[in-house]
Amino acid sequence: MSRRRALVAVVATALLASGCVQMPDSGPIHDVASGGSGSAEEAPAIDAAPPPAQAPPADIVTGFMGAMAGWPIQVGVARQYLSKEAAAAWNPTQATMTYVGKLPPDINGNSATIELSGVERLDEFGAWEGEAPESQQELHFSLTLENGEFRITNPPNALIVPADWFAQRFTQMSLYFFDQTGSILVPEPVFVPRGDQLASTLVSRLLQPSDDLRGVSRSFLPAGDPPLSVPVTDEGVAEIDLGEVGTVPKPDDPTLSRMLAQLGWTLRQVPGIRALRLSFGGQVVRPPGNDAVYTVTEGGRYDPTYAKASQQLYALQNGRLVYGEPDELTPAVGPLGAEGDHGLRSIAVSLDGSDVVGVTSDGTGLVTAPVHASDTDPRPLLSGAADLLPPAWDFADRLWLVDNAPSGARVSYLEGRRPVSIRVPGVSGHRVRSFLVSRDGTRFVAVVADQGRGDQIRVGRVRHDGQGRVAAVARTRPIPVKDVQRSRIVDVAWTSPTSILVARAGAGQSSEVSTVPVDGAPSESLSTPVGGRVLGLAASPDGTSTPFAVTPEGLVDLDTGTVTPFFGGPLRSATYVG
């Protein structure tokens, strides 16, 4: 049997043996953290074994791979398999690679090759990068004799571990930074090891932001070598001393407020932490107008879902704007809520719920009006487009547009009433079914129709200058969705600041709705079937608003499966703000 066929057999065995790798694919929608269901207590300790005396090359390479899977992580033992020079230079913190299966090493003299399958990568900060390139599906080792013992001379600068090992011992959480203007928090999902050092790890990552985030987000915390540890008292107070981090001048109140918000929103994810105490060189800093202790539930004004966001549901019914609770939708007081058909096919509502923008029935123009004020008329906002999708608002009151022109999608945003075109790699020039912009304005998501290969979700980061103006959208990358190649994506909607709902057509009149992490990382979130044809999704990233699938018969609650029938006529373009 060839090595490729043997690898397939190994992978099949690994998948059967590992419950952590196989994800459930039915049930109600739940937005949960990625990274495996095992707690720190469920992950047994693994003692890494040092190299045995006079071990042949195959055992040295195999032992090195096994030592990297010691738990708690024991790279010191793994270094013993390396030559003296290689041990000094090896930096396993540069990346993490996970694999589903591997074959025994293929030895050729003083060289060894290990063939892996299902290889995926994380960067040095724990951010998910997705499937590794083909060149990294094989590991090539060179060995030398050192003091009569074989040792590896060229270890990859990465921690390389089995996927099921990783899923049991790491969890995905978010580091919180700010937008360029310091107005709203921006979450950055990363994988971190479970255990007692979780708070220390999160604070350390906050103090060393990735260069990839330049122009996307900023930090108000000092950059530099992180503190050695963040102890947590029995009362659940995390003690953070930044006195040894770089040069830390005493922050003014606005800066201190943002520093505490970053720390608080990040540490609130750690079970048992209720507050933090911040010090500089042993001197406790009192938060503005607060005690020395800062509770992690503070900082709500910087909420990444926008603190002033409306939680009402909005829709078009019989051609007019309605809003409220799903079973009690009432016409808006503003001009688009007046009786009669206003000639709109879709709407988008500003985050504070004050203004609505509607796409005309032919898709060529936009009109805008207040939601609640009745003393004004709708006014034209844009004309001459080809086929506009429902727009999207961000926290800066910026309106994003995608126009499916004959030559392909054109992406723009409005400055006042002037559209500013912006190229989105992998999206501009293609056919786009739907799109999203995160409320913090840093993520652009689009469903791209790819002829012959199925629909594709692509995500890119939006970069801004120091004044918060849009500078560019970085290269987008595809986000995998199970079985998406065999179905059409109907709609997408935010369900948290870092995850989206995806509705796709199933067999016959059925549909499927899934939660997908916006970074494409493996997820334990479940999918749910929806009887009947899904026309769209109405969901919010705030974590409290009910997510709905819109069908011809009514609104399907994706948490409970209950259906709210339409009263007074079917809804079109049902949506939350944004």
Protein backbone atom coordinates (compact mmCIF):
# COMPACT_ATOMS: atom_id res chain seq x y z
CA MET A 1 0.00 0.00 0.00
CA SER A 2 1.36 3.41 -0.96
CA ARG A 3 2.19 5.99 1.72
CA ARG A 4 -0.71 8.14 0.52
CA ARG A 5 -3.18 5.26 0.87
CA ALA A 6 -1.66 4.40 4.24
CA LEU A 7 -2.14 7.98 5.38
CA VAL A 8 -5.81 7.82 4.44
CA ALA A 9 -6.16 4.73 6.62
CA VAL A 10 -4.40 6.48 9.52
CA VAL A 11 -6.66 9.50 9.20
CA ALA A 12 -9.79 7.36 9.19
CA THR A 13 -8.64 5.62 12.35
CA ALA A 14 -7.81 8.95 14.03
CA LEU A 15 -11.22 10.39 13.22
CA LEU A 16 -12.98 7.38 14.65
CA ALA A 17 -10.87 7.44 17.80
CA SER A 18 -11.19 11.16 18.47
CA GLY A 19 -14.57 12.47 19.58
CA CYS A 20 -13.11 15.99 19.77
CA VAL A 21 -12.49 16.18 16.03
CA GLN A 22 -15.99 15.13 14.92
CA MET A 23 -18.35 18.07 15.37
CA PRO A 24 -22.14 17.67 15.80
CA ASP A 25 -24.15 18.84 12.83
CA SER A 26 -27.73 19.11 14.06
CA GLY A 27 -29.69 20.70 16.87
CA PRO A 28 -30.61 24.25 17.91
CA ILE A 29 -28.35 27.22 17.25
CA HIS A 30 -25.89 27.95 20.04
CA ASP A 31 -23.09 30.49 19.92
CA VAL A 32 -20.24 28.86 21.81
CA ALA A 33 -16.50 29.24 22.00
CA SER A 34 -14.39 27.17 19.67
CA GLY A 35 -11.57 24.94 20.67
CA GLY A 36 -12.97 21.80 22.23
CA SER A 37 -15.27 20.98 25.07
CA GLY A 38 -12.74 19.59 27.50
CA SER A 39 -12.01 21.61 30.61
CA ALA A 40 -8.58 21.99 32.13
CA GLU A 41 -9.46 19.14 34.52
CA GLU A 42 -10.38 16.85 31.63
CA ALA A 43 -6.99 17.24 29.97
CA PRO A 44 -4.63 14.73 31.60
CA ALA A 45 -1.00 15.55 32.18
CA ILE A 46 1.40 14.02 29.67
CA ASP A 47 5.05 13.61 30.61
CA ALA A 48 7.29 14.26 27.62
CA ALA A 49 9.96 11.58 27.34
CA PRO A 50 13.60 12.62 26.72
CA PRO A 51 15.55 10.92 23.93
CA PRO A 52 16.75 7.41 24.81
CA ALA A 53 20.43 6.61 24.50
CA GLN A 54 21.67 5.50 21.08
CA ALA A 55 18.24 6.02 19.53
CA PRO A 56 18.09 5.68 15.73
CA PRO A 57 16.91 8.59 13.56
CA ALA A 58 13.32 7.27 13.34
CA ASP A 59 12.99 7.22 17.14
CA ILE A 60 14.52 10.68 17.48
CA VAL A 61 12.06 12.23 15.03
CA THR A 62 9.12 10.35 16.53
CA GLY A 63 10.21 11.28 20.04
CA PHE A 64 10.51 14.95 19.10
CA MET A 65 6.93 14.97 17.77
CA GLY A 66 5.72 13.23 20.92
CA ALA A 67 7.59 15.61 23.24
CA MET A 68 5.80 18.62 21.72
CA ALA A 69 2.53 17.05 22.91
CA GLY A 70 3.61 17.00 26.56
CA TRP A 71 1.14 18.68 28.91
CA PRO A 72 1.57 21.15 30.42
CA ILE A 73 3.65 22.18 27.40
CA GLN A 74 7.24 21.05 27.91
CA VAL A 75 9.31 22.42 25.04
CA GLY A 76 12.42 22.02 27.22
CA VAL A 77 12.17 18.26 26.79
CA ALA A 78 11.55 18.66 23.05
CA ARG A 79 14.77 20.69 22.78
CA GLN A 80 16.74 17.67 23.98
CA TYR A 81 16.05 16.04 20.59
CA LEU A 82 17.80 18.92 18.81
CA SER A 83 21.42 19.67 18.13
CA LYS A 84 22.97 22.25 20.44
CA GLU A 85 22.82 24.96 17.79
CA ALA A 86 19.27 24.07 16.72
CA ALA A 87 18.06 23.95 20.34
CA ALA A 88 19.31 27.49 20.91
CA ALA A 89 17.63 28.81 17.75
CA TRP A 90 14.35 26.88 17.84
CA ASN A 91 11.32 29.12 18.52
CA PRO A 92 8.12 27.04 18.81
CA THR A 93 6.10 30.13 19.79
CA GLN A 94 6.17 31.48 16.22
CA ALA A 95 3.24 29.30 15.17
CA THR A 96 1.10 26.31 16.10
CA MET A 97 0.30 23.54 13.65
CA THR A 98 -2.36 20.91 14.27
CA TYR A 99 -2.78 17.70 12.32
CA VAL A 100 -5.39 14.95 12.14
CA GLY A 101 -3.11 12.07 11.12
CA LYS A 102 0.55 11.29 10.49
CA LEU A 103 2.55 8.41 9.07
CA PRO A 104 5.70 6.94 10.66
CA PRO A 105 8.86 8.74 9.55
CA ASP A 106 10.35 7.77 6.19
CA ILE A 107 14.10 7.52 6.79
CA ASN A 108 16.68 8.13 4.08
CA GLY A 109 20.17 8.17 5.57
CA ASN A 110 20.37 11.15 7.91
CA SER A 111 17.11 12.62 6.64
CA ALA A 112 13.56 11.89 7.69
CA THR A 113 10.14 12.84 6.28
CA ILE A 114 6.86 12.73 8.17
CA GLU A 115 3.68 12.99 6.12
CA LEU A 116 0.78 14.74 7.88
CA SER A 117 -2.88 15.21 7.01
CA GLY A 118 -5.47 17.80 7.98
CA VAL A 119 -2.79 20.37 8.85
CA GLU A 120 -4.02 23.77 10.03
CA ARG A 121 -2.08 26.72 11.39
CA LEU A 122 -2.33 29.39 14.06
CA ASP A 123 -0.03 32.39 14.18
CA GLU A 124 2.24 33.29 17.10
CA PHE A 125 -0.62 35.06 18.88
CA GLY A 126 -3.03 32.14 18.59
CA ALA A 127 -5.10 33.60 15.74
CA TRP A 128 -6.47 30.97 13.39
CA GLU A 129 -4.93 30.97 9.91
CA GLY A 130 -6.73 27.97 8.45
CA GLU A 131 -5.47 25.15 6.29
CA ALA A 132 -1.70 25.01 5.92
CA PRO A 133 -0.24 25.16 2.41
CA GLU A 134 0.67 21.92 0.66
CA SER A 135 4.35 22.53 1.36
CA GLN A 136 3.66 22.20 5.09
CA GLN A 137 1.79 18.90 4.85
CA GLU A 138 5.17 17.15 5.05
CA LEU A 139 7.90 17.71 7.61
CA HIS A 140 11.48 17.25 6.48
CA PHE A 141 14.12 16.70 9.15
CA SER A 142 17.89 16.57 8.87
CA LEU A 143 19.88 14.80 11.59
CA THR A 144 23.46 14.85 12.69
CA LEU A 145 25.58 12.92 15.13
CA GLU A 146 26.42 14.97 18.20
CA ASN A 147 28.45 13.27 20.93
CA GLY A 148 27.55 9.98 19.34
CA GLU A 149 23.78 10.65 19.41
CA PHE A 150 21.47 11.54 16.54
CA ARG A 151 19.95 15.00 16.88
CA ILE A 152 17.69 17.13 14.64
CA THR A 153 19.31 20.18 13.07
CA ASN A 154 16.33 21.91 11.38
CA PRO A 155 13.18 21.85 13.53
CA PRO A 156 10.23 23.90 12.23
CA ASN A 157 9.63 27.04 14.27
CA ALA A 158 6.22 25.86 15.43
CA LEU A 159 4.51 23.75 18.06
CA ILE A 160 3.17 20.75 16.09
CA VAL A 161 0.47 18.74 17.87
CA PRO A 162 -2.49 16.45 17.10
CA ALA A 163 -5.81 18.19 16.48
CA ASP A 164 -7.64 16.24 19.19
CA TRP A 165 -4.86 17.07 21.72
CA PHE A 166 -5.21 20.75 20.81
CA ALA A 167 -9.03 20.73 21.00
CA GLN A 168 -8.95 19.32 24.53
CA ARG A 169 -6.32 21.70 25.88
CA PHE A 170 -6.92 25.03 24.12
CA THR A 171 -9.94 27.29 24.02
CA GLN A 172 -10.82 30.29 21.87
CA MET A 173 -11.33 33.66 23.55
CA SER A 174 -11.12 37.25 22.36
CA LEU A 175 -8.52 39.90 23.05
CA TYR A 176 -10.14 43.33 23.12
CA PHE A 177 -8.52 46.31 21.43
CA PHE A 178 -10.01 49.60 20.20
CA ASP A 179 -10.85 51.10 16.85
CA GLN A 180 -8.52 53.81 15.61
CA THR A 181 -10.55 56.58 17.28
CA GLY A 182 -10.77 54.87 20.69
CA SER A 183 -14.56 54.82 20.50
CA ILE A 184 -15.47 51.14 20.43
CA LEU A 185 -13.84 47.86 21.43
CA VAL A 186 -12.69 45.47 18.70
CA PRO A 187 -12.52 41.74 19.55
CA GLU A 188 -9.71 39.59 18.14
CA PRO A 189 -10.29 35.82 18.56
CA VAL A 190 -7.25 33.79 19.65
CA PHE A 191 -6.69 30.29 20.99
CA VAL A 192 -5.09 30.08 24.42
CA PRO A 193 -4.14 27.11 26.62
CA ARG A 194 -6.60 26.24 29.35
CA GLY A 195 -5.55 26.10 32.97
CA ASP A 196 -4.46 28.24 35.89
CA GLN A 197 -2.37 30.58 33.72
CA LEU A 198 -5.26 31.64 31.50
CA ALA A 199 -5.47 35.19 32.92
CA SER A 200 -1.70 35.64 32.61
CA THR A 201 -1.77 34.41 29.01
CA LEU A 202 -4.58 36.75 27.99
CA VAL A 203 -2.93 39.81 29.52
CA SER A 204 0.40 38.89 27.92
CA ARG A 205 -1.25 38.65 24.50
CA LEU A 206 -2.94 42.02 25.02
CA LEU A 207 0.43 43.63 25.65
CA GLN A 208 1.92 42.21 22.46
CA PRO A 209 -0.57 42.91 19.65
CA SER A 210 0.05 41.44 16.23
CA ASP A 211 1.50 43.64 13.49
CA ASP A 212 -1.37 42.41 11.31
CA LEU A 213 -3.72 44.59 13.36
CA ARG A 214 -2.08 47.88 12.37
CA GLY A 215 -4.73 50.11 10.90
CA VAL A 216 -7.45 47.70 12.04
CA SER A 217 -7.32 48.27 15.78
CA ARG A 218 -5.16 49.95 18.39
CA SER A 219 -4.26 49.36 22.02
CA PHE A 220 -4.13 51.83 24.88
CA LEU A 221 -2.04 49.42 26.95
CA PRO A 222 1.73 49.82 26.95
CA ALA A 223 3.56 47.51 24.56
CA GLY A 224 6.51 45.54 25.83
CA ASP A 225 7.50 42.49 27.80
CA PRO A 226 4.44 41.30 29.71
CA PRO A 227 4.31 40.72 33.46
CA LEU A 228 5.39 37.26 34.56
CA SER A 229 1.99 36.39 36.03
CA VAL A 230 -1.45 37.73 36.83
CA PRO A 231 -2.47 36.25 40.18
CA VAL A 232 -6.16 36.01 41.00
CA THR A 233 -7.27 36.40 44.63
CA ASP A 234 -9.80 34.16 46.35
CA GLU A 235 -12.31 36.99 45.87
CA GLY A 236 -11.87 36.81 42.09
CA VAL A 237 -9.73 39.95 41.68
CA ALA A 238 -7.00 39.78 39.03
CA GLU A 239 -3.87 41.65 40.16
CA ILE A 240 -2.14 43.32 37.18
CA ASP A 241 1.07 45.30 37.62
CA LEU A 242 2.26 47.05 34.45
CA GLY A 243 5.13 48.84 36.15
CA GLU A 244 7.71 46.69 34.40
CA VAL A 245 6.18 46.92 30.91
CA GLY A 246 8.18 49.29 28.75
CA THR A 247 8.11 52.93 29.83
CA VAL A 248 4.75 53.50 31.43
CA PRO A 249 3.88 57.12 32.15
CA LYS A 250 0.95 57.72 34.44
CA PRO A 251 -2.08 57.61 32.12
CA ASP A 252 -4.64 60.39 32.01
CA ASP A 253 -8.25 59.52 32.84
CA PRO A 254 -9.45 58.90 29.24
CA THR A 255 -6.49 56.60 28.55
CA LEU A 256 -6.88 54.80 31.87
CA SER A 257 -10.58 54.26 31.15
CA ARG A 258 -9.74 52.55 27.87
CA MET A 259 -6.90 50.52 29.38
CA LEU A 260 -9.27 49.17 32.02
CA ALA A 261 -11.94 48.45 29.41
CA GLN A 262 -9.50 46.37 27.36
CA LEU A 263 -8.41 44.41 30.41
CA GLY A 264 -11.93 44.06 31.81
CA TRP A 265 -13.59 42.86 28.61
CA THR A 266 -10.76 40.39 28.02
CA LEU A 267 -10.66 38.99 31.56
CA ARG A 268 -14.45 38.77 31.95
CA GLN A 269 -14.19 35.62 29.82
CA VAL A 270 -12.18 33.82 32.52
CA PRO A 271 -14.41 31.90 34.95
CA GLY A 272 -14.07 33.18 38.50
CA ILE A 273 -12.69 36.65 37.68
CA ARG A 274 -15.11 39.40 38.71
CA ALA A 275 -12.78 42.40 38.94
CA LEU A 276 -9.23 43.60 38.43
CA ARG A 277 -6.79 45.82 40.28
CA LEU A 278 -4.29 47.73 38.15
CA SER A 279 -0.90 48.86 39.43
CA PHE A 280 2.13 50.62 38.03
CA GLY A 281 5.31 49.63 39.81
CA GLY A 282 3.35 48.51 42.86
CA GLN A 283 1.25 51.68 43.02
CA VAL A 284 -2.45 50.91 42.67
CA VAL A 285 -4.26 53.13 40.16
CA ARG A 286 -7.78 54.18 41.02
CA PRO A 287 -10.19 54.16 38.07
CA PRO A 288 -11.86 57.52 37.37
CA GLY A 289 -14.68 57.97 39.87
CA ASN A 290 -14.23 54.43 41.12
CA ASP A 291 -12.71 52.32 43.85
CA ALA A 292 -9.36 50.65 43.43
CA VAL A 293 -11.12 47.58 42.07
CA TYR A 294 -12.55 47.69 38.54
CA THR A 295 -15.33 45.17 37.93
CA VAL A 296 -15.12 43.37 34.62
CA THR A 297 -18.73 44.23 33.80
CA GLU A 298 -17.82 47.92 33.54
CA GLY A 299 -16.81 49.60 30.30
CA GLY A 300 -20.20 49.09 28.70
CA ARG A 301 -19.96 52.38 26.83
CA TYR A 302 -17.27 50.76 24.67
CA ASP A 303 -19.38 47.67 23.94
CA PRO A 304 -18.26 46.19 20.57
CA THR A 305 -21.92 45.74 19.62
CA TYR A 306 -22.42 49.50 20.20
CA ALA A 307 -23.78 50.61 23.55
CA LYS A 308 -26.58 52.76 22.08
CA ALA A 309 -27.84 50.15 19.62
CA SER A 310 -31.56 49.60 19.31
CA GLN A 311 -32.80 46.06 20.01
CA GLN A 312 -36.04 46.37 18.05
CA LEU A 313 -36.86 44.26 15.02
CA TYR A 314 -37.53 46.19 11.79
CA ALA A 315 -39.14 45.09 8.53
CA LEU A 316 -41.22 46.08 5.54
CA GLN A 317 -44.86 44.96 5.74
CA ASN A 318 -47.32 45.81 2.97
CA GLY A 319 -44.71 48.24 1.68
CA ARG A 320 -44.35 50.27 4.89
CA LEU A 321 -41.78 50.30 7.70
CA VAL A 322 -42.77 48.45 10.90
CA TYR A 323 -40.83 47.75 14.07
CA GLY A 324 -41.08 46.34 17.58
CA GLU A 325 -41.42 42.83 19.00
CA PRO A 326 -42.00 40.03 16.48
CA ASP A 327 -45.64 39.51 17.54
CA GLU A 328 -46.36 43.21 18.00
CA LEU A 329 -44.89 45.02 15.02
CA THR A 330 -46.31 48.50 14.58
CA PRO A 331 -45.88 51.07 11.78
CA ALA A 332 -43.06 53.52 12.32
CA VAL A 333 -44.01 57.11 13.05
CA GLY A 334 -41.65 58.37 10.36
CA PRO A 335 -42.69 58.90 6.73
CA LEU A 336 -41.83 55.35 5.59
CA GLY A 337 -44.26 54.01 8.18
CA ALA A 338 -47.17 55.88 6.63
CA GLU A 339 -49.87 53.72 5.07
CA GLY A 340 -49.21 52.68 1.49
CA ASP A 341 -46.46 50.98 -0.51
CA HIS A 342 -43.31 53.13 -0.53
CA GLY A 343 -41.69 51.17 -3.35
CA LEU A 344 -38.85 49.62 -1.36
CA ARG A 345 -37.44 46.09 -1.53
CA SER A 346 -35.04 46.18 1.43
CA ILE A 347 -34.01 48.39 4.35
CA ALA A 348 -31.15 49.04 6.76
CA VAL A 349 -31.53 50.91 10.05
CA SER A 350 -28.83 52.96 11.76
CA LEU A 351 -27.41 51.48 14.96
CA ASP A 352 -29.28 53.87 17.25
CA GLY A 353 -32.54 53.18 15.43
CA SER A 354 -33.03 56.79 14.37
CA ASP A 355 -32.68 56.57 10.57
CA VAL A 356 -33.64 54.09 7.89
CA VAL A 357 -32.30 53.70 4.37
CA GLY A 358 -34.37 51.84 1.79
CA VAL A 359 -33.38 50.29 -1.53
CA THR A 360 -35.88 51.11 -4.26
CA SER A 361 -37.85 48.25 -5.78
CA ASP A 362 -35.75 48.24 -8.96
CA GLY A 363 -32.49 48.23 -6.97
CA THR A 364 -31.15 51.38 -8.63
CA GLY A 365 -31.48 53.91 -5.81
CA LEU A 366 -31.60 54.67 -2.12
CA VAL A 367 -33.99 56.79 -0.08
CA THR A 368 -33.58 57.78 3.56
CA ALA A 369 -35.92 58.98 6.27
CA PRO A 370 -36.11 59.19 10.05
CA VAL A 371 -37.71 56.22 11.79
CA HIS A 372 -39.61 58.21 14.42
CA ALA A 373 -39.94 61.83 13.22
CA SER A 374 -43.04 62.49 11.13
CA ASP A 375 -42.33 66.10 10.17
CA THR A 376 -40.13 65.29 7.17
CA ASP A 377 -40.39 63.46 3.86
CA PRO A 378 -38.20 60.66 2.49
CA ARG A 379 -35.36 62.06 0.45
CA PRO A 380 -33.29 60.49 -2.33
CA LEU A 381 -29.83 59.44 -1.20
CA LEU A 382 -28.42 57.71 -4.29
CA SER A 383 -29.50 57.01 -7.86
CA GLY A 384 -28.08 55.36 -10.96
CA ALA A 385 -27.01 52.08 -9.37
CA ALA A 386 -27.52 48.70 -11.04
CA ASP A 387 -28.64 46.22 -8.37
CA LEU A 388 -28.09 47.29 -4.77
CA LEU A 389 -27.99 44.79 -1.92
CA PRO A 390 -29.38 45.80 1.50
CA PRO A 391 -26.86 48.33 2.93
CA ALA A 392 -24.99 48.01 6.25
CA TRP A 393 -24.22 50.62 8.92
CA ASP A 394 -21.24 50.72 11.28
CA PHE A 395 -20.80 52.60 14.58
CA ALA A 396 -19.38 55.68 12.81
CA ASP A 397 -22.76 56.13 11.06
CA ARG A 398 -21.05 55.05 7.85
CA LEU A 399 -23.31 53.38 5.27
CA TRP A 400 -21.74 50.55 3.25
CA LEU A 401 -23.06 49.57 -0.19
CA VAL A 402 -22.60 46.68 -2.61
CA ASP A 403 -23.94 47.17 -6.14
CA ASN A 404 -24.08 44.10 -8.40
CA ALA A 405 -23.24 45.82 -11.67
CA PRO A 406 -23.03 43.84 -14.94
CA SER A 407 -19.24 43.87 -14.60
CA GLY A 408 -19.40 42.51 -11.06
CA ALA A 409 -19.88 43.87 -7.56
CA ARG A 410 -18.86 47.43 -6.77
CA VAL A 411 -18.24 48.16 -3.07
CA SER A 412 -18.49 51.67 -1.64
CA TYR A 413 -19.44 53.63 1.44
CA LEU A 414 -21.14 56.99 1.79
CA GLU A 415 -19.42 60.11 3.08
CA GLY A 416 -22.43 62.33 3.50
CA ARG A 417 -24.22 61.68 0.21
CA ARG A 418 -21.07 60.98 -1.78
CA PRO A 419 -20.21 57.32 -2.49
CA VAL A 420 -16.54 56.44 -2.09
CA SER A 421 -15.51 53.34 -4.02
CA ILE A 422 -13.22 50.83 -2.36
CA ARG A 423 -11.78 47.64 -3.77
CA VAL A 424 -12.34 44.48 -1.75
CA PRO A 425 -10.03 41.70 -2.98
CA GLY A 426 -11.92 38.53 -3.78
CA VAL A 427 -15.27 40.37 -3.70
CA SER A 428 -15.12 43.34 -6.07
CA GLY A 429 -15.88 42.24 -9.62
CA HIS A 430 -17.70 39.08 -8.52
CA ARG A 431 -21.37 38.33 -8.04
CA VAL A 432 -22.31 38.95 -4.38
CA ARG A 433 -25.44 37.47 -2.79
CA SER A 434 -25.26 39.32 0.55
CA PHE A 435 -22.76 41.13 2.74
CA LEU A 436 -22.15 42.34 6.30
CA VAL A 437 -19.98 44.93 8.03
CA SER A 438 -19.26 44.51 11.74
CA ARG A 439 -20.60 47.21 14.04
CA ASP A 440 -17.05 48.18 15.01
CA GLY A 441 -16.35 48.76 11.30
CA THR A 442 -13.34 46.43 11.09
CA ARG A 443 -14.73 43.33 9.34
CA PHE A 444 -16.27 42.97 5.88
CA VAL A 445 -18.12 39.72 5.11
CA ALA A 446 -19.53 38.78 1.71
CA VAL A 447 -21.24 35.77 0.17
CA VAL A 448 -19.69 35.40 -3.27
CA ALA A 449 -21.40 33.28 -5.92
CA ASP A 450 -18.71 31.11 -7.46
CA GLN A 451 -19.96 29.42 -10.61
CA GLY A 452 -19.27 25.70 -10.61
CA ARG A 453 -17.80 25.59 -7.10
CA GLY A 454 -20.67 26.73 -4.91
CA ASP A 455 -21.15 29.88 -2.88
CA GLN A 456 -18.25 31.12 -0.78
CA ILE A 457 -18.09 33.28 2.34
CA ARG A 458 -15.15 35.67 2.28
CA VAL A 459 -13.98 37.85 5.17
CA GLY A 460 -11.53 40.75 5.12
CA ARG A 461 -10.35 43.34 7.65
CA VAL A 462 -11.10 47.02 7.13
CA ARG A 463 -8.18 49.34 7.82
CA HIS A 464 -8.60 52.96 8.92
CA ASP A 465 -6.31 55.93 9.32
CA GLY A 466 -5.71 57.70 12.63
CA GLN A 467 -8.85 59.80 12.19
CA GLY A 468 -11.01 56.74 11.62
CA ARG A 469 -11.39 57.19 7.86
CA VAL A 470 -11.50 54.02 5.77
CA ALA A 471 -8.14 53.36 4.17
CA ALA A 472 -8.50 49.93 2.57
CA VAL A 473 -9.95 46.46 2.91
CA ALA A 474 -7.23 43.84 3.23
CA ARG A 475 -7.14 40.59 1.30
CA THR A 476 -10.20 38.51 2.00
CA ARG A 477 -10.02 34.81 2.70
CA PRO A 478 -12.67 32.11 2.38
CA ILE A 479 -14.40 30.85 5.51
CA PRO A 480 -15.30 27.15 5.31
CA VAL A 481 -18.88 26.07 5.91
CA LYS A 482 -19.72 22.38 6.06
CA ASP A 483 -21.41 21.09 2.87
CA VAL A 484 -21.67 24.59 1.42
CA GLN A 485 -20.40 23.30 -1.94
CA ARG A 486 -23.65 21.36 -2.36
CA SER A 487 -26.01 24.19 -1.53
CA ARG A 488 -26.73 27.85 -2.06
CA ILE A 489 -26.19 30.37 0.74
CA VAL A 490 -29.40 32.30 1.24
CA ASP A 491 -28.29 34.89 3.79
CA VAL A 492 -25.81 35.72 6.56
CA ALA A 493 -26.22 37.74 9.77
CA TRP A 494 -24.13 38.59 12.83
CA THR A 495 -24.86 36.49 15.90
CA SER A 496 -21.90 37.77 17.98
CA PRO A 497 -19.09 40.24 17.27
CA THR A 498 -16.96 37.31 16.05
CA SER A 499 -19.47 34.84 14.56
CA ILE A 500 -22.19 34.80 11.93
CA LEU A 501 -25.32 32.83 11.13
CA VAL A 502 -25.36 31.20 7.71
CA ALA A 503 -28.61 30.06 6.09
CA ARG A 504 -28.31 27.70 3.16
CA ALA A 505 -30.85 25.89 1.03
CA GLY A 506 -31.27 22.20 1.73
CA ALA A 507 -33.00 19.38 -0.12
CA GLY A 508 -36.54 20.10 -1.27
CA GLN A 509 -38.09 22.93 0.74
CA SER A 510 -35.83 22.53 3.79
CA SER A 511 -33.04 24.88 4.88
CA GLU A 512 -30.11 24.73 7.28
CA VAL A 513 -28.85 27.49 9.59
CA SER A 514 -25.38 27.27 11.17
CA THR A 515 -23.16 29.37 13.39
CA VAL A 516 -19.75 30.01 11.83
CA PRO A 517 -16.76 31.74 13.51
CA VAL A 518 -15.78 34.73 11.43
CA ASP A 519 -12.13 33.61 11.45
CA GLY A 520 -13.02 30.16 10.08
CA ALA A 521 -11.70 28.29 13.13
CA PRO A 522 -13.10 24.85 14.01
CA SER A 523 -16.31 25.28 15.96
CA GLU A 524 -18.49 23.20 18.24
CA SER A 525 -21.53 25.28 17.36
CA LEU A 526 -24.49 23.32 16.05
CA SER A 527 -26.65 23.61 12.97
CA THR A 528 -30.42 23.46 12.91
CA PRO A 529 -32.76 22.43 10.11
CA VAL A 530 -35.61 24.79 9.31
CA GLY A 531 -38.72 23.38 7.73
CA GLY A 532 -39.73 25.37 4.71
CA ARG A 533 -37.84 27.85 2.60
CA VAL A 534 -35.72 30.44 4.42
CA LEU A 535 -35.96 33.84 2.77
CA GLY A 536 -33.51 35.63 5.08
CA LEU A 537 -32.10 35.97 8.58
CA ALA A 538 -32.68 38.54 11.30
CA ALA A 539 -30.03 38.35 14.01
CA SER A 540 -27.94 40.65 16.16
CA PRO A 541 -24.41 40.40 17.62
CA ASP A 542 -25.58 41.72 21.01
CA GLY A 543 -26.15 38.26 22.50
CA THR A 544 -29.63 39.06 23.82
CA SER A 545 -31.80 39.66 20.75
CA THR A 546 -33.58 36.57 19.44
CA PRO A 547 -32.23 35.27 16.10
CA PHE A 548 -34.90 34.51 13.49
CA ALA A 549 -35.14 32.76 10.17
CA VAL A 550 -37.68 34.45 7.92
CA THR A 551 -39.91 32.00 6.03
CA PRO A 552 -43.04 32.57 3.91
CA GLU A 553 -45.15 31.47 6.89
CA GLY A 554 -43.52 33.41 9.72
CA LEU A 555 -40.48 34.04 11.91
CA VAL A 556 -38.72 30.91 13.19
CA ASP A 557 -36.98 31.41 16.55
CA LEU A 558 -33.60 29.75 16.01
CA ASP A 559 -33.10 29.25 19.75
CA THR A 560 -36.36 27.41 20.43
CA GLY A 561 -37.75 26.48 17.02
CA THR A 562 -41.06 28.19 17.72
CA VAL A 563 -42.77 30.01 14.87
CA THR A 564 -44.35 33.45 15.13
CA PRO A 565 -46.85 33.72 12.27
CA PHE A 566 -47.18 36.97 10.40
CA PHE A 567 -49.98 39.24 11.56
CA GLY A 568 -51.18 41.71 8.97
CA GLY A 569 -49.15 40.34 6.08
CA PRO A 570 -45.74 38.80 5.29
CA LEU A 571 -42.53 40.58 6.21
CA ARG A 572 -39.86 41.63 3.77
CA SER A 573 -36.28 42.53 4.73
CA ALA A 574 -36.72 41.71 8.44
CA THR A 575 -33.61 42.93 10.24
CA TYR A 576 -32.08 44.30 13.39
CA VAL A 577 -30.06 47.52 13.25
CA GLY A 578 -26.74 47.69 11.43
